[in-house]
Amino acid sequence: MSRADTAGTFQLGDRAVKRMGYGAMQLAGPQVFGPPKDPAAAIAVLREAVAAGVNHIDTADFYGPHVTNRLIREALHPYAEDLVIVTKVGAVRGADASWNPAHSPAELTRAVHDNLRNLGVDVLEVVNLRAWGNLHAPADDDIEEQFSTLAELQRQGLIRHLGLSNVTAFQVRQAQGIAKVACVQNHYNLTHRDDEQLIAELGKQGIAYVPFFPLGGFTPLQSQTLSSVAARLEASPLCVALAWLLQRAPNILLIPGTSSVAHLRENLSASELKIPAQMLAELDGLVH
């Protein structure tokens, strides 16, 4: 059994995916902009992930832009039948590496076609609408036009399943009034738990919740309690943080990212780590 198998599976659309997946964002250059310094190393990470049993890869054509999708295609195409590639639309990159919203029907349609072309597929398995909010936190903005645009592309056969990213519970309900929502991807980790109620509600509906920044993103998680638990478990703090997420709720799917094969293997080892109840209580107590 591979390491990715150990954490079990959960439904994503009509596919059962391993709960331990992989996020491709870090394969692009610095600031998720431009090509990687070592494209061969990036391709090696992708191939190692799939070899270890990962069958859920998260990406976006605005990573690079276009870089991660082209690397995925070069490394893995033709794709394994069980591989689910999830992408996002709703942003573009400026020439200065800035992140900018791209939510008009024309921009969203163009983004879907960019993803199709750069991934080398006829149909995108899952497309998440990346709502803007204030870039890293959601707001109750109206997303009816944007999600309706993607629902129309789904009806045209270009997208199999729709999801959401950086959204509130209100926006989830609004989207569900337009089309079925397969997954929600929001900021959530050991020390950032605003979505506890949303995760539970999605779980009741059989909808996957996919935390972005599961290890803290651009500011990695640091905590004396986390370090203490990790030392007692003889594991790295980041591995413990991933294992905590896997034990938090059965509908949580993980997509930790890295550009290093060694770090990938460390992340995947979290699938095998079981945190005892007393230590879970210590970690739970980090947020009151």
C-alpha atoms as a PDB file:
ATOM      1  CA  MET A   1       0.000   0.000   0.000  1.00  0.00           C
ATOM      2  CA  SER A   2       1.372   3.428  -0.934  1.00  0.00           C
ATOM      3  CA  ARG A   3       1.528   6.266   1.557  1.00  0.00           C
ATOM      4  CA  ALA A   4      -1.270   8.197  -0.122  1.00  0.00           C
ATOM      5  CA  ASP A   5      -3.586   5.181   0.332  1.00  0.00           C
ATOM      6  CA  THR A   6      -3.250   5.110   4.114  1.00  0.00           C
ATOM      7  CA  ALA A   7      -5.506   8.103   4.799  1.00  0.00           C
ATOM      8  CA  GLY A   8      -8.479   6.587   2.991  1.00  0.00           C
ATOM      9  CA  THR A   9     -10.702   8.206   0.376  1.00  0.00           C
ATOM     10  CA  PHE A  10     -13.587  10.644   0.053  1.00  0.00           C
ATOM     11  CA  GLN A  11     -15.922  11.457  -2.785  1.00  0.00           C
ATOM     12  CA  LEU A  12     -15.001  14.352  -5.073  1.00  0.00           C
ATOM     13  CA  GLY A  13     -17.744  14.755  -7.633  1.00  0.00           C
ATOM     14  CA  ASP A  14     -18.393  11.205  -8.835  1.00  0.00           C
ATOM     15  CA  ARG A  15     -14.857   9.996  -8.087  1.00  0.00           C
ATOM     16  CA  ALA A  16     -13.381   8.579  -4.888  1.00  0.00           C
ATOM     17  CA  VAL A  17     -10.011  10.280  -4.377  1.00  0.00           C
ATOM     18  CA  LYS A  18      -7.266   9.667  -1.848  1.00  0.00           C
ATOM     19  CA  ARG A  19      -7.585  12.113   1.029  1.00  0.00           C
ATOM     20  CA  MET A  20      -3.875  12.921   0.722  1.00  0.00           C
ATOM     21  CA  GLY A  21      -3.398  14.819  -2.523  1.00  0.00           C
ATOM     22  CA  TYR A  22      -0.896  17.277  -3.919  1.00  0.00           C
ATOM     23  CA  GLY A  23      -0.999  21.008  -4.673  1.00  0.00           C
ATOM     24  CA  ALA A  24       1.077  22.164  -7.655  1.00  0.00           C
ATOM     25  CA  MET A  25       1.335  25.881  -6.825  1.00  0.00           C
ATOM     26  CA  GLN A  26       4.933  25.742  -5.586  1.00  0.00           C
ATOM     27  CA  LEU A  27       6.183  24.224  -8.844  1.00  0.00           C
ATOM     28  CA  ALA A  28       6.186  27.670 -10.482  1.00  0.00           C
ATOM     29  CA  GLY A  29       8.967  30.175  -9.910  1.00  0.00           C
ATOM     30  CA  PRO A  30       9.343  32.583  -6.950  1.00  0.00           C
ATOM     31  CA  GLN A  31       6.049  34.266  -5.963  1.00  0.00           C
ATOM     32  CA  VAL A  32       4.294  31.572  -8.045  1.00  0.00           C
ATOM     33  CA  PHE A  33       5.464  33.502 -11.106  1.00  0.00           C
ATOM     34  CA  GLY A  34       7.520  32.406 -14.080  1.00  0.00           C
ATOM     35  CA  PRO A  35       9.136  29.004 -14.634  1.00  0.00           C
ATOM     36  CA  PRO A  36      10.878  26.943 -11.945  1.00  0.00           C
ATOM     37  CA  LYS A  37      14.632  27.116 -11.646  1.00  0.00           C
ATOM     38  CA  ASP A  38      14.802  23.361 -12.250  1.00  0.00           C
ATOM     39  CA  PRO A  39      11.945  22.085 -14.461  1.00  0.00           C
ATOM     40  CA  ALA A  40      13.275  18.521 -14.278  1.00  0.00           C
ATOM     41  CA  ALA A  41      12.966  18.587 -10.487  1.00  0.00           C
ATOM     42  CA  ALA A  42       9.390  19.848 -10.765  1.00  0.00           C
ATOM     43  CA  ILE A  43       8.504  17.010 -13.126  1.00  0.00           C
ATOM     44  CA  ALA A  44      10.149  14.531 -10.759  1.00  0.00           C
ATOM     45  CA  VAL A  45       7.931  15.736  -7.881  1.00  0.00           C
ATOM     46  CA  LEU A  46       4.759  15.248  -9.936  1.00  0.00           C
ATOM     47  CA  ARG A  47       5.780  11.761 -11.031  1.00  0.00           C
ATOM     48  CA  GLU A  48       6.791  10.790  -7.497  1.00  0.00           C
ATOM     49  CA  ALA A  49       3.418  11.982  -6.162  1.00  0.00           C
ATOM     50  CA  VAL A  50       1.482   9.809  -8.602  1.00  0.00           C
ATOM     51  CA  ALA A  51       3.839   6.867  -8.021  1.00  0.00           C
ATOM     52  CA  ALA A  52       3.091   7.169  -4.290  1.00  0.00           C
ATOM     53  CA  GLY A  53      -0.625   6.819  -4.979  1.00  0.00           C
ATOM     54  CA  VAL A  54      -1.757  10.453  -5.138  1.00  0.00           C
ATOM     55  CA  ASN A  55      -4.754  10.746  -7.470  1.00  0.00           C
ATOM     56  CA  HIS A  56      -5.907  14.292  -6.647  1.00  0.00           C
ATOM     57  CA  ILE A  57      -3.767  17.167  -7.940  1.00  0.00           C
ATOM     58  CA  ASP A  58      -4.732  20.796  -7.437  1.00  0.00           C
ATOM     59  CA  THR A  59      -3.596  23.442  -9.902  1.00  0.00           C
ATOM     60  CA  ALA A  60      -4.583  26.677 -11.660  1.00  0.00           C
ATOM     61  CA  ASP A  61      -3.585  28.152 -14.978  1.00  0.00           C
ATOM     62  CA  PHE A  62      -2.785  31.431 -13.205  1.00  0.00           C
ATOM     63  CA  TYR A  63       0.066  29.676 -11.370  1.00  0.00           C
ATOM     64  CA  GLY A  64       3.018  30.883 -13.384  1.00  0.00           C
ATOM     65  CA  PRO A  65       0.830  31.771 -15.291  1.00  0.00           C
ATOM     66  CA  HIS A  66       0.426  28.608 -17.396  1.00  0.00           C
ATOM     67  CA  VAL A  67       3.544  27.062 -15.835  1.00  0.00           C
ATOM     68  CA  THR A  68       2.136  24.427 -13.478  1.00  0.00           C
ATOM     69  CA  ASN A  69      -0.435  23.139 -15.959  1.00  0.00           C
ATOM     70  CA  ARG A  70       2.199  22.705 -18.647  1.00  0.00           C
ATOM     71  CA  LEU A  71       4.475  20.914 -16.180  1.00  0.00           C
ATOM     72  CA  ILE A  72       1.622  18.595 -15.197  1.00  0.00           C
ATOM     73  CA  ARG A  73       0.982  17.825 -18.849  1.00  0.00           C
ATOM     74  CA  GLU A  74       4.648  17.155 -19.568  1.00  0.00           C
ATOM     75  CA  ALA A  75       5.075  14.967 -16.495  1.00  0.00           C
ATOM     76  CA  LEU A  76       1.843  12.975 -16.485  1.00  0.00           C
ATOM     77  CA  HIS A  77       0.065  13.074 -19.844  1.00  0.00           C
ATOM     78  CA  PRO A  78      -1.556  10.770 -20.904  1.00  0.00           C
ATOM     79  CA  TYR A  79      -3.168  10.813 -17.487  1.00  0.00           C
ATOM     80  CA  ALA A  80      -3.979   7.764 -15.392  1.00  0.00           C
ATOM     81  CA  GLU A  81      -7.688   6.941 -15.433  1.00  0.00           C
ATOM     82  CA  ASP A  82      -8.057   7.521 -11.690  1.00  0.00           C
ATOM     83  CA  LEU A  83      -6.203  10.871 -11.631  1.00  0.00           C
ATOM     84  CA  VAL A  84      -8.436  13.852 -10.774  1.00  0.00           C
ATOM     85  CA  ILE A  85      -6.958  17.235 -11.675  1.00  0.00           C
ATOM     86  CA  VAL A  86      -8.771  20.130 -10.024  1.00  0.00           C
ATOM     87  CA  THR A  87      -8.190  23.629 -11.336  1.00  0.00           C
ATOM     88  CA  LYS A  88      -9.316  27.153 -10.441  1.00  0.00           C
ATOM     89  CA  VAL A  89     -10.466  30.180 -12.394  1.00  0.00           C
ATOM     90  CA  GLY A  90     -11.195  33.738 -11.333  1.00  0.00           C
ATOM     91  CA  ALA A  91      -7.744  35.343 -11.238  1.00  0.00           C
ATOM     92  CA  VAL A  92      -5.031  36.557 -13.596  1.00  0.00           C
ATOM     93  CA  ARG A  93      -1.454  37.610 -13.012  1.00  0.00           C
ATOM     94  CA  GLY A  94      -0.073  41.030 -13.793  1.00  0.00           C
ATOM     95  CA  ALA A  95       3.298  41.576 -15.453  1.00  0.00           C
ATOM     96  CA  ASP A  96       4.550  42.588 -11.983  1.00  0.00           C
ATOM     97  CA  ALA A  97       3.462  39.186 -10.563  1.00  0.00           C
ATOM     98  CA  SER A  98       0.395  40.761  -8.919  1.00  0.00           C
ATOM     99  CA  TRP A  99      -2.773  38.730  -8.358  1.00  0.00           C
ATOM    100  CA  ASN A 100      -5.864  40.299  -9.932  1.00  0.00           C
ATOM    101  CA  PRO A 101      -9.530  39.258 -10.160  1.00  0.00           C
ATOM    102  CA  ALA A 102     -10.840  38.004 -13.509  1.00  0.00           C
ATOM    103  CA  HIS A 103     -14.544  37.375 -13.021  1.00  0.00           C
ATOM    104  CA  SER A 104     -16.295  38.576 -16.166  1.00  0.00           C
ATOM    105  CA  PRO A 105     -18.010  35.873 -18.261  1.00  0.00           C
ATOM    106  CA  ALA A 106     -15.428  36.388 -21.020  1.00  0.00           C
ATOM    107  CA  GLU A 107     -12.485  36.103 -18.608  1.00  0.00           C
ATOM    108  CA  LEU A 108     -13.875  32.959 -16.959  1.00  0.00           C
ATOM    109  CA  THR A 109     -14.592  31.360 -20.338  1.00  0.00           C
ATOM    110  CA  ARG A 110     -11.095  32.184 -21.561  1.00  0.00           C
ATOM    111  CA  ALA A 111      -9.613  30.731 -18.378  1.00  0.00           C
ATOM    112  CA  VAL A 112     -11.475  27.443 -18.848  1.00  0.00           C
ATOM    113  CA  HIS A 113     -10.172  27.168 -22.409  1.00  0.00           C
ATOM    114  CA  ASP A 114      -6.626  28.034 -21.240  1.00  0.00           C
ATOM    115  CA  ASN A 115      -6.827  25.201 -18.707  1.00  0.00           C
ATOM    116  CA  LEU A 116      -8.121  22.762 -21.305  1.00  0.00           C
ATOM    117  CA  ARG A 117      -5.317  23.640 -23.712  1.00  0.00           C
ATOM    118  CA  ASN A 118      -2.445  23.700 -21.236  1.00  0.00           C
ATOM    119  CA  LEU A 119      -3.501  20.499 -19.456  1.00  0.00           C
ATOM    120  CA  GLY A 120      -4.132  18.787 -22.789  1.00  0.00           C
ATOM    121  CA  VAL A 121      -7.669  17.573 -22.037  1.00  0.00           C
ATOM    122  CA  ASP A 122     -11.084  17.864 -23.677  1.00  0.00           C
ATOM    123  CA  VAL A 123     -12.967  18.126 -20.379  1.00  0.00           C
ATOM    124  CA  LEU A 124     -11.865  19.560 -17.024  1.00  0.00           C
ATOM    125  CA  GLU A 125     -12.729  17.195 -14.166  1.00  0.00           C
ATOM    126  CA  VAL A 126     -13.313  19.902 -11.529  1.00  0.00           C
ATOM    127  CA  VAL A 127     -13.190  23.694 -11.845  1.00  0.00           C
ATOM    128  CA  ASN A 128     -13.309  25.851  -8.727  1.00  0.00           C
ATOM    129  CA  LEU A 129     -14.533  29.429  -8.949  1.00  0.00           C
ATOM    130  CA  ARG A 130     -12.012  31.458  -6.977  1.00  0.00           C
ATOM    131  CA  ALA A 131     -14.061  34.210  -5.347  1.00  0.00           C
ATOM    132  CA  TRP A 132     -12.052  37.281  -4.521  1.00  0.00           C
ATOM    133  CA  GLY A 133     -12.995  38.703  -1.133  1.00  0.00           C
ATOM    134  CA  ASN A 134      -9.840  40.477  -0.016  1.00  0.00           C
ATOM    135  CA  LEU A 135      -7.564  37.968  -1.800  1.00  0.00           C
ATOM    136  CA  HIS A 136      -6.868  35.694   1.207  1.00  0.00           C
ATOM    137  CA  ALA A 137     -10.201  35.917   3.050  1.00  0.00           C
ATOM    138  CA  PRO A 138     -13.740  35.610   1.689  1.00  0.00           C
ATOM    139  CA  ALA A 139     -16.526  38.172   1.734  1.00  0.00           C
ATOM    140  CA  ASP A 140     -20.262  37.830   1.056  1.00  0.00           C
ATOM    141  CA  ASP A 141     -20.050  39.160  -2.496  1.00  0.00           C
ATOM    142  CA  ASP A 142     -22.604  38.085  -5.088  1.00  0.00           C
ATOM    143  CA  ILE A 143     -21.208  35.257  -7.255  1.00  0.00           C
ATOM    144  CA  GLU A 144     -24.359  34.429  -9.245  1.00  0.00           C
ATOM    145  CA  GLU A 145     -23.067  35.694 -12.593  1.00  0.00           C
ATOM    146  CA  GLN A 146     -19.665  34.022 -12.240  1.00  0.00           C
ATOM    147  CA  PHE A 147     -20.976  30.650 -11.112  1.00  0.00           C
ATOM    148  CA  SER A 148     -23.726  30.730 -13.737  1.00  0.00           C
ATOM    149  CA  THR A 149     -21.045  31.247 -16.391  1.00  0.00           C
ATOM    150  CA  LEU A 150     -19.229  28.110 -15.231  1.00  0.00           C
ATOM    151  CA  ALA A 151     -22.520  26.194 -15.012  1.00  0.00           C
ATOM    152  CA  GLU A 152     -23.154  27.038 -18.668  1.00  0.00           C
ATOM    153  CA  LEU A 153     -19.696  25.765 -19.616  1.00  0.00           C
ATOM    154  CA  GLN A 154     -20.512  22.618 -17.644  1.00  0.00           C
ATOM    155  CA  ARG A 155     -23.715  22.192 -19.674  1.00  0.00           C
ATOM    156  CA  GLN A 156     -21.606  22.551 -22.819  1.00  0.00           C
ATOM    157  CA  GLY A 157     -19.537  19.562 -21.704  1.00  0.00           C
ATOM    158  CA  LEU A 158     -16.287  21.417 -20.965  1.00  0.00           C
ATOM    159  CA  ILE A 159     -16.431  20.846 -17.180  1.00  0.00           C
ATOM    160  CA  ARG A 160     -17.610  17.758 -15.267  1.00  0.00           C
ATOM    161  CA  HIS A 161     -17.891  19.177 -11.742  1.00  0.00           C
ATOM    162  CA  LEU A 162     -17.925  22.640 -10.185  1.00  0.00           C
ATOM    163  CA  GLY A 163     -16.425  23.808  -6.923  1.00  0.00           C
ATOM    164  CA  LEU A 164     -15.724  26.984  -4.991  1.00  0.00           C
ATOM    165  CA  SER A 165     -12.667  28.594  -3.440  1.00  0.00           C
ATOM    166  CA  ASN A 166     -12.302  31.403  -0.890  1.00  0.00           C
ATOM    167  CA  VAL A 167     -16.026  31.551  -0.165  1.00  0.00           C
ATOM    168  CA  THR A 168     -18.485  32.083   2.680  1.00  0.00           C
ATOM    169  CA  ALA A 169     -21.391  29.837   3.668  1.00  0.00           C
ATOM    170  CA  PHE A 170     -23.718  32.347   1.998  1.00  0.00           C
ATOM    171  CA  GLN A 171     -21.832  31.988  -1.293  1.00  0.00           C
ATOM    172  CA  VAL A 172     -21.930  28.192  -1.054  1.00  0.00           C
ATOM    173  CA  ARG A 173     -25.715  28.319  -0.704  1.00  0.00           C
ATOM    174  CA  GLN A 174     -25.985  30.820  -3.568  1.00  0.00           C
ATOM    175  CA  ALA A 175     -23.910  28.571  -5.840  1.00  0.00           C
ATOM    176  CA  GLN A 176     -25.941  25.501  -4.872  1.00  0.00           C
ATOM    177  CA  GLY A 177     -29.029  27.299  -6.126  1.00  0.00           C
ATOM    178  CA  ILE A 178     -27.371  27.363  -9.579  1.00  0.00           C
ATOM    179  CA  ALA A 179     -25.552  24.027  -9.866  1.00  0.00           C
ATOM    180  CA  LYS A 180     -24.251  21.176  -7.739  1.00  0.00           C
ATOM    181  CA  VAL A 181     -21.114  22.016  -5.745  1.00  0.00           C
ATOM    182  CA  ALA A 182     -18.564  19.184  -5.568  1.00  0.00           C
ATOM    183  CA  CYS A 183     -16.011  20.796  -3.245  1.00  0.00           C
ATOM    184  CA  VAL A 184     -15.094  23.920  -1.307  1.00  0.00           C
ATOM    185  CA  GLN A 185     -11.486  25.070  -1.030  1.00  0.00           C
ATOM    186  CA  ASN A 186     -10.842  27.597   1.742  1.00  0.00           C
ATOM    187  CA  HIS A 187      -8.113  28.757   4.114  1.00  0.00           C
ATOM    188  CA  TYR A 188      -8.070  26.375   7.079  1.00  0.00           C
ATOM    189  CA  ASN A 189      -5.364  24.852   9.238  1.00  0.00           C
ATOM    190  CA  LEU A 190      -4.380  24.091  12.833  1.00  0.00           C
ATOM    191  CA  THR A 191      -4.377  27.760  13.858  1.00  0.00           C
ATOM    192  CA  HIS A 192      -6.901  29.194  11.356  1.00  0.00           C
ATOM    193  CA  ARG A 193     -10.296  27.586  11.960  1.00  0.00           C
ATOM    194  CA  ASP A 194     -12.961  30.023  10.831  1.00  0.00           C
ATOM    195  CA  ASP A 195     -14.695  27.305   8.784  1.00  0.00           C
ATOM    196  CA  GLU A 196     -15.486  24.761  11.507  1.00  0.00           C
ATOM    197  CA  GLN A 197     -19.255  25.072  11.033  1.00  0.00           C
ATOM    198  CA  LEU A 198     -18.982  25.100   7.237  1.00  0.00           C
ATOM    199  CA  ILE A 199     -16.855  21.930   7.220  1.00  0.00           C
ATOM    200  CA  ALA A 200     -19.448  20.138   9.341  1.00  0.00           C
ATOM    201  CA  GLU A 201     -22.334  21.291   7.134  1.00  0.00           C
ATOM    202  CA  LEU A 202     -20.528  20.239   3.957  1.00  0.00           C
ATOM    203  CA  GLY A 203     -19.742  16.880   5.540  1.00  0.00           C
ATOM    204  CA  LYS A 204     -23.442  16.255   6.144  1.00  0.00           C
ATOM    205  CA  GLN A 205     -24.007  16.872   2.433  1.00  0.00           C
ATOM    206  CA  GLY A 206     -21.155  14.615   1.341  1.00  0.00           C
ATOM    207  CA  ILE A 207     -19.181  17.568  -0.049  1.00  0.00           C
ATOM    208  CA  ALA A 208     -15.383  17.631   0.118  1.00  0.00           C
ATOM    209  CA  TYR A 209     -13.623  20.449   1.968  1.00  0.00           C
ATOM    210  CA  VAL A 210     -10.097  21.151   0.737  1.00  0.00           C
ATOM    211  CA  PRO A 211      -7.989  23.442   2.948  1.00  0.00           C
ATOM    212  CA  PHE A 212      -5.561  25.741   1.197  1.00  0.00           C
ATOM    213  CA  PHE A 213      -2.560  26.850   3.219  1.00  0.00           C
ATOM    214  CA  PRO A 214      -2.813  23.605   5.280  1.00  0.00           C
ATOM    215  CA  LEU A 215       0.715  24.290   6.535  1.00  0.00           C
ATOM    216  CA  GLY A 216       0.299  28.058   6.865  1.00  0.00           C
ATOM    217  CA  GLY A 217       1.064  29.050   3.267  1.00  0.00           C
ATOM    218  CA  PHE A 218       3.660  31.789   2.894  1.00  0.00           C
ATOM    219  CA  THR A 219       4.085  31.937   6.703  1.00  0.00           C
ATOM    220  CA  PRO A 220       4.568  28.320   7.884  1.00  0.00           C
ATOM    221  CA  LEU A 221       2.848  27.238  11.076  1.00  0.00           C
ATOM    222  CA  GLN A 222       4.878  27.723  14.248  1.00  0.00           C
ATOM    223  CA  SER A 223       3.710  26.788  17.738  1.00  0.00           C
ATOM    224  CA  GLN A 224       5.403  25.589  20.894  1.00  0.00           C
ATOM    225  CA  THR A 225       2.549  23.130  21.462  1.00  0.00           C
ATOM    226  CA  LEU A 226       2.834  21.816  17.905  1.00  0.00           C
ATOM    227  CA  SER A 227       6.608  21.402  18.284  1.00  0.00           C
ATOM    228  CA  SER A 228       6.145  19.599  21.608  1.00  0.00           C
ATOM    229  CA  VAL A 229       3.603  17.149  20.199  1.00  0.00           C
ATOM    230  CA  ALA A 230       5.804  16.563  17.152  1.00  0.00           C
ATOM    231  CA  ALA A 231       8.837  15.812  19.322  1.00  0.00           C
ATOM    232  CA  ARG A 232       6.870  13.222  21.330  1.00  0.00           C
ATOM    233  CA  LEU A 233       5.596  11.611  18.147  1.00  0.00           C
ATOM    234  CA  GLU A 234       9.073  11.742  16.583  1.00  0.00           C
ATOM    235  CA  ALA A 235       7.630  13.531  13.566  1.00  0.00           C
ATOM    236  CA  SER A 236       8.082  16.959  12.045  1.00  0.00           C
ATOM    237  CA  PRO A 237       5.696  19.731  13.159  1.00  0.00           C
ATOM    238  CA  LEU A 238       4.388  20.131   9.613  1.00  0.00           C
ATOM    239  CA  CYS A 239       3.695  16.410   9.347  1.00  0.00           C
ATOM    240  CA  VAL A 240       1.726  16.598  12.612  1.00  0.00           C
ATOM    241  CA  ALA A 241      -0.226  19.601  11.305  1.00  0.00           C
ATOM    242  CA  LEU A 242      -1.287  17.580   8.235  1.00  0.00           C
ATOM    243  CA  ALA A 243      -2.176  14.529  10.325  1.00  0.00           C
ATOM    244  CA  TRP A 244      -4.317  16.754  12.568  1.00  0.00           C
ATOM    245  CA  LEU A 245      -6.296  17.890   9.524  1.00  0.00           C
ATOM    246  CA  LEU A 246      -6.869  14.299   8.399  1.00  0.00           C
ATOM    247  CA  GLN A 247      -8.228  13.433  11.836  1.00  0.00           C
ATOM    248  CA  ARG A 248     -10.309  16.608  12.082  1.00  0.00           C
ATOM    249  CA  ALA A 249     -13.130  15.611   9.687  1.00  0.00           C
ATOM    250  CA  PRO A 250     -13.589  12.771   7.181  1.00  0.00           C
ATOM    251  CA  ASN A 251     -14.557  15.131   4.330  1.00  0.00           C
ATOM    252  CA  ILE A 252     -11.247  17.023   4.479  1.00  0.00           C
ATOM    253  CA  LEU A 253      -8.983  16.410   1.479  1.00  0.00           C
ATOM    254  CA  LEU A 254      -5.391  17.620   1.690  1.00  0.00           C
ATOM    255  CA  ILE A 255      -3.337  19.230  -1.086  1.00  0.00           C
ATOM    256  CA  PRO A 256      -0.020  20.214   0.530  1.00  0.00           C
ATOM    257  CA  GLY A 257       2.407  21.609  -2.001  1.00  0.00           C
ATOM    258  CA  THR A 258       6.143  21.374  -2.412  1.00  0.00           C
ATOM    259  CA  SER A 259       8.800  21.542  -5.103  1.00  0.00           C
ATOM    260  CA  SER A 260      10.987  18.928  -3.359  1.00  0.00           C
ATOM    261  CA  VAL A 261      10.711  15.140  -3.598  1.00  0.00           C
ATOM    262  CA  ALA A 262      12.049  14.795  -0.050  1.00  0.00           C
ATOM    263  CA  HIS A 263       9.467  17.214   1.315  1.00  0.00           C
ATOM    264  CA  LEU A 264       6.741  15.477  -0.703  1.00  0.00           C
ATOM    265  CA  ARG A 265       7.601  12.182   0.971  1.00  0.00           C
ATOM    266  CA  GLU A 266       7.504  13.867   4.379  1.00  0.00           C
ATOM    267  CA  ASN A 267       4.058  15.314   3.623  1.00  0.00           C
ATOM    268  CA  LEU A 268       2.757  11.941   2.456  1.00  0.00           C
ATOM    269  CA  SER A 269       3.993  10.293   5.639  1.00  0.00           C
ATOM    270  CA  ALA A 270       1.313  12.273   7.516  1.00  0.00           C
ATOM    271  CA  SER A 271      -1.166   9.740   6.111  1.00  0.00           C
ATOM    272  CA  GLU A 272       0.372   7.108   8.398  1.00  0.00           C
ATOM    273  CA  LEU A 273       0.584   9.252  11.532  1.00  0.00           C
ATOM    274  CA  LYS A 274      -2.147   8.762  14.136  1.00  0.00           C
ATOM    275  CA  ILE A 275      -2.212  11.421  16.841  1.00  0.00           C
ATOM    276  CA  PRO A 276      -3.354  10.034  20.233  1.00  0.00           C
ATOM    277  CA  ALA A 277      -6.438  11.587  21.844  1.00  0.00           C
ATOM    278  CA  GLN A 278      -4.542  13.479  24.555  1.00  0.00           C
ATOM    279  CA  MET A 279      -2.212  15.083  22.023  1.00  0.00           C
ATOM    280  CA  LEU A 280      -5.158  15.891  19.758  1.00  0.00           C
ATOM    281  CA  ALA A 281      -6.721  17.713  22.699  1.00  0.00           C
ATOM    282  CA  GLU A 282      -3.533  19.748  23.135  1.00  0.00           C
ATOM    283  CA  LEU A 283      -3.547  20.733  19.493  1.00  0.00           C
ATOM    284  CA  ASP A 284      -7.281  21.469  19.535  1.00  0.00           C
ATOM    285  CA  GLY A 285      -6.629  23.842  22.427  1.00  0.00           C
ATOM    286  CA  LEU A 286      -4.431  26.096  20.300  1.00  0.00           C
ATOM    287  CA  VAL A 287      -7.598  27.920  19.203  1.00  0.00           C
ATOM    288  CA  HIS A 288     -10.340  28.714  21.717  1.00  0.00           C
END
